[in-house]
């Protein structure tokens, strides 16, 4: 089973230390190497907490309105339902570990899909997904939600995901990435 994935759009590489369904405590553990300027946008999850631990360099974690700059050995927690993001505002790569508790198979699937699309050059130039229904699949499978104005679009995204799963688009275009 493939464990290494790279997404040039958001400037990161990940390595799955542990998948949720592997023997152990049922967590998802991901090591992330994030280039300077890389990161993601504000979002939240309803079904799992995220624990961030800096391994090398420094990584910034925003939870709510508070931003913490983590150094090696330091941690931050984004409890479920808390709006959060990670980013690298330093001039050097950062390496950090993210632990999802409990682990989340859907989140793992989304990494494989999105990073596979990125590797195949099938994302927009800004790193976004090319099709609305693909965004729906990502939010639906990964339990990713966005705050503010964009939260109004979430029901439409989820509906488009259900349609894509029912009419075969998911199986034709995205399921092959799960075989990796």
Protein backbone atom coordinates (compact mmCIF):
# COMPACT_ATOMS: atom_id res chain seq x y z
CA UNK A 1 0.00 0.00 0.00
CA UNK A 2 1.38 3.38 -1.01
CA UNK A 3 2.28 5.68 1.92
CA UNK A 4 4.06 8.62 0.24
CA UNK A 5 2.11 11.36 -1.52
CA UNK A 6 3.08 14.77 -2.88
CA UNK A 7 0.92 17.76 -3.75
CA UNK A 8 2.89 20.44 -5.61
CA UNK A 9 -0.14 22.76 -5.49
CA UNK A 10 -0.04 23.28 -1.72
CA UNK A 11 3.68 22.57 -1.54
CA UNK A 12 3.65 19.55 0.71
CA UNK A 13 4.63 15.90 0.88
CA UNK A 14 3.04 13.43 3.24
CA UNK A 15 3.85 10.04 4.59
CA UNK A 16 1.21 7.87 6.30
CA UNK A 17 2.79 6.49 9.46
CA UNK A 18 -0.46 4.71 10.30
CA UNK A 19 -3.77 4.20 8.54
CA UNK A 20 -6.91 4.09 10.68
CA UNK A 21 -7.67 0.47 9.85
CA UNK A 22 -4.19 -0.87 10.60
CA UNK A 23 -3.54 -2.70 13.85
CA UNK A 24 -3.02 -0.27 16.68
CA UNK A 25 -5.13 2.34 18.36
CA UNK A 26 -7.30 3.29 15.37
CA UNK A 27 -5.67 6.65 14.71
CA UNK A 28 -4.51 8.16 11.44
CA UNK A 29 -0.93 9.43 11.70
CA UNK A 30 0.53 11.52 8.89
CA UNK A 31 3.97 13.12 8.63
CA UNK A 32 3.88 16.30 6.54
CA UNK A 33 6.79 18.16 4.94
CA UNK A 34 5.61 21.66 4.09
CA UNK A 35 7.55 24.08 1.88
CA UNK A 36 7.88 27.76 2.78
CA UNK A 37 4.62 29.50 1.94
CA UNK A 38 2.67 26.22 1.91
CA UNK A 39 -0.43 25.47 3.93
CA UNK A 40 -4.18 25.13 3.82
CA UNK A 41 -7.22 27.31 4.44
CA UNK A 42 -9.44 27.58 7.50
CA UNK A 43 -11.70 24.56 7.96
CA UNK A 44 -13.10 22.26 10.64
CA UNK A 45 -14.09 18.63 11.17
CA UNK A 46 -17.04 17.28 13.15
CA UNK A 47 -15.86 13.73 13.80
CA UNK A 48 -12.18 13.89 14.80
CA UNK A 49 -9.57 15.96 16.61
CA UNK A 50 -6.19 16.82 15.09
CA UNK A 51 -2.98 16.92 17.08
CA UNK A 52 -0.08 18.72 15.41
CA UNK A 53 3.51 18.04 16.51
CA UNK A 54 6.45 19.91 14.99
CA UNK A 55 9.30 17.56 14.07
CA UNK A 56 11.71 19.91 12.20
CA UNK A 57 11.76 23.62 11.43
CA UNK A 58 8.70 25.56 12.51
CA UNK A 59 5.06 25.30 11.54
CA UNK A 60 2.24 27.71 12.32
CA UNK A 61 -1.07 26.36 13.53
CA UNK A 62 -4.13 28.54 13.78
CA UNK A 63 -6.99 27.33 15.99
CA UNK A 64 -9.80 29.85 16.17
CA UNK A 65 -8.16 33.27 16.29
CA UNK A 66 -5.00 32.03 18.01
CA UNK A 67 -1.86 31.33 15.97
CA UNK A 68 0.91 29.21 17.51
CA UNK A 69 4.33 28.88 15.91
CA UNK A 70 5.50 25.39 16.85
CA UNK A 71 9.16 24.46 17.24
CA UNK A 72 10.42 20.85 17.29
CA UNK A 73 8.78 18.89 20.11
CA UNK A 74 5.90 21.36 20.58
CA UNK A 75 2.27 20.44 19.92
CA UNK A 76 -1.08 22.08 19.26
CA UNK A 77 -4.54 20.56 19.26
CA UNK A 78 -7.44 21.40 16.97
CA UNK A 79 -10.43 19.79 18.69
CA UNK A 80 -13.31 18.67 16.50
CA UNK A 81 -15.58 21.58 15.50
CA UNK A 82 -12.73 24.11 15.91
CA UNK A 83 -11.81 26.22 12.90
CA UNK A 84 -8.13 25.66 12.13
CA UNK A 85 -5.38 25.59 9.53
CA UNK A 86 -1.64 24.98 9.22
CA UNK A 87 0.91 27.00 7.29
CA UNK A 88 4.63 27.60 6.95
CA UNK A 89 5.58 31.26 7.22
CA UNK A 90 9.29 30.52 7.65
CA UNK A 91 11.94 30.46 4.94
CA UNK A 92 12.73 26.76 5.41
CA UNK A 93 10.72 23.56 5.00
CA UNK A 94 8.81 22.40 8.07
CA UNK A 95 8.14 18.80 9.02
CA UNK A 96 5.30 17.97 11.38
CA UNK A 97 3.06 15.09 12.41
CA UNK A 98 -0.72 15.19 12.36
CA UNK A 99 -2.64 12.63 14.38
CA UNK A 100 -6.37 12.24 13.74
CA UNK A 101 -8.25 10.90 16.74
CA UNK A 102 -10.16 8.82 16.04
CA UNK A 103 -8.61 7.93 12.72
CA UNK A 104 -10.64 8.73 9.63
CA UNK A 105 -10.64 6.43 6.59
CA UNK A 106 -12.50 8.99 4.48
CA UNK A 107 -9.84 11.62 5.17
CA UNK A 108 -7.17 9.14 4.12
CA UNK A 109 -9.07 8.43 0.88
CA UNK A 110 -9.29 12.13 0.09
CA UNK A 111 -5.51 12.52 0.46
CA UNK A 112 -5.02 9.71 -2.06
CA UNK A 113 -7.56 11.21 -4.49
CA UNK A 114 -6.46 14.85 -4.33
CA UNK A 115 -2.75 14.09 -4.33
CA UNK A 116 -3.27 11.66 -7.21
CA UNK A 117 -5.10 14.33 -9.20
CA UNK A 118 -2.30 16.78 -8.39
CA UNK A 119 0.37 14.32 -9.54
CA UNK A 120 -1.54 13.83 -12.80
CA UNK A 121 -1.84 17.59 -13.35
CA UNK A 122 -5.63 17.46 -13.03
CA UNK A 123 -6.01 20.32 -10.54
CA UNK A 124 -6.52 23.99 -11.39
CA UNK A 125 -3.46 26.25 -11.30
CA UNK A 126 -4.38 27.45 -7.81
CA UNK A 127 -4.50 23.84 -6.57
CA UNK A 128 -8.28 23.66 -6.50
CA UNK A 129 -10.33 20.81 -7.85
CA UNK A 130 -11.48 21.27 -11.43
CA UNK A 131 -15.06 20.08 -10.96
CA UNK A 132 -17.70 21.10 -8.44
CA UNK A 133 -18.75 17.52 -7.78
CA UNK A 134 -15.12 16.60 -6.98
CA UNK A 135 -15.10 19.31 -4.30
CA UNK A 136 -18.30 17.75 -3.00
CA UNK A 137 -16.69 14.32 -2.78
CA UNK A 138 -13.73 15.79 -0.89
CA UNK A 139 -15.86 17.54 1.72
CA UNK A 140 -18.22 14.58 2.06
CA UNK A 141 -15.58 11.86 2.46
CA UNK A 142 -13.16 13.83 4.63
CA UNK A 143 -15.65 15.51 6.96
CA UNK A 144 -14.14 18.86 6.00
CA UNK A 145 -16.29 21.93 6.51
CA UNK A 146 -15.58 25.58 5.84
CA UNK A 147 -16.64 28.53 7.96
CA UNK A 148 -18.27 31.79 6.98
CA UNK A 149 -19.83 32.64 3.65
CA UNK A 150 -18.62 29.45 1.94
CA UNK A 151 -20.54 27.34 4.46
CA UNK A 152 -23.66 28.26 2.45
CA UNK A 153 -22.33 26.15 -0.43
CA UNK A 154 -21.71 23.04 1.69
CA UNK A 155 -25.19 21.48 1.20
CA UNK A 156 -24.84 21.86 -2.58
CA UNK A 157 -21.39 20.27 -2.49
CA UNK A 158 -22.66 17.32 -0.46
CA UNK A 159 -25.61 16.83 -2.83
CA UNK A 160 -23.28 16.88 -5.85
CA UNK A 161 -21.10 14.24 -4.17
CA UNK A 162 -24.08 11.95 -3.60
CA UNK A 163 -25.05 12.32 -7.28
CA UNK A 164 -21.50 11.56 -8.45
CA UNK A 165 -21.41 8.45 -6.27
CA UNK A 166 -24.79 7.31 -7.61
CA UNK A 167 -24.23 7.97 -11.32
CA UNK A 168 -20.76 6.40 -11.56
CA UNK A 169 -18.60 9.53 -12.01
CA UNK A 170 -16.80 8.80 -8.74
CA UNK A 171 -16.07 5.23 -9.80
CA UNK A 172 -14.85 6.26 -13.26
CA UNK A 173 -12.73 9.29 -12.35
CA UNK A 174 -11.67 9.07 -8.71
CA UNK A 175 -11.86 5.47 -7.46
CA UNK A 176 -8.70 4.49 -9.41
CA UNK A 177 -6.70 6.75 -7.08
CA UNK A 178 -7.82 4.65 -4.10
CA UNK A 179 -6.07 1.59 -5.50
CA UNK A 180 -2.70 3.22 -4.83
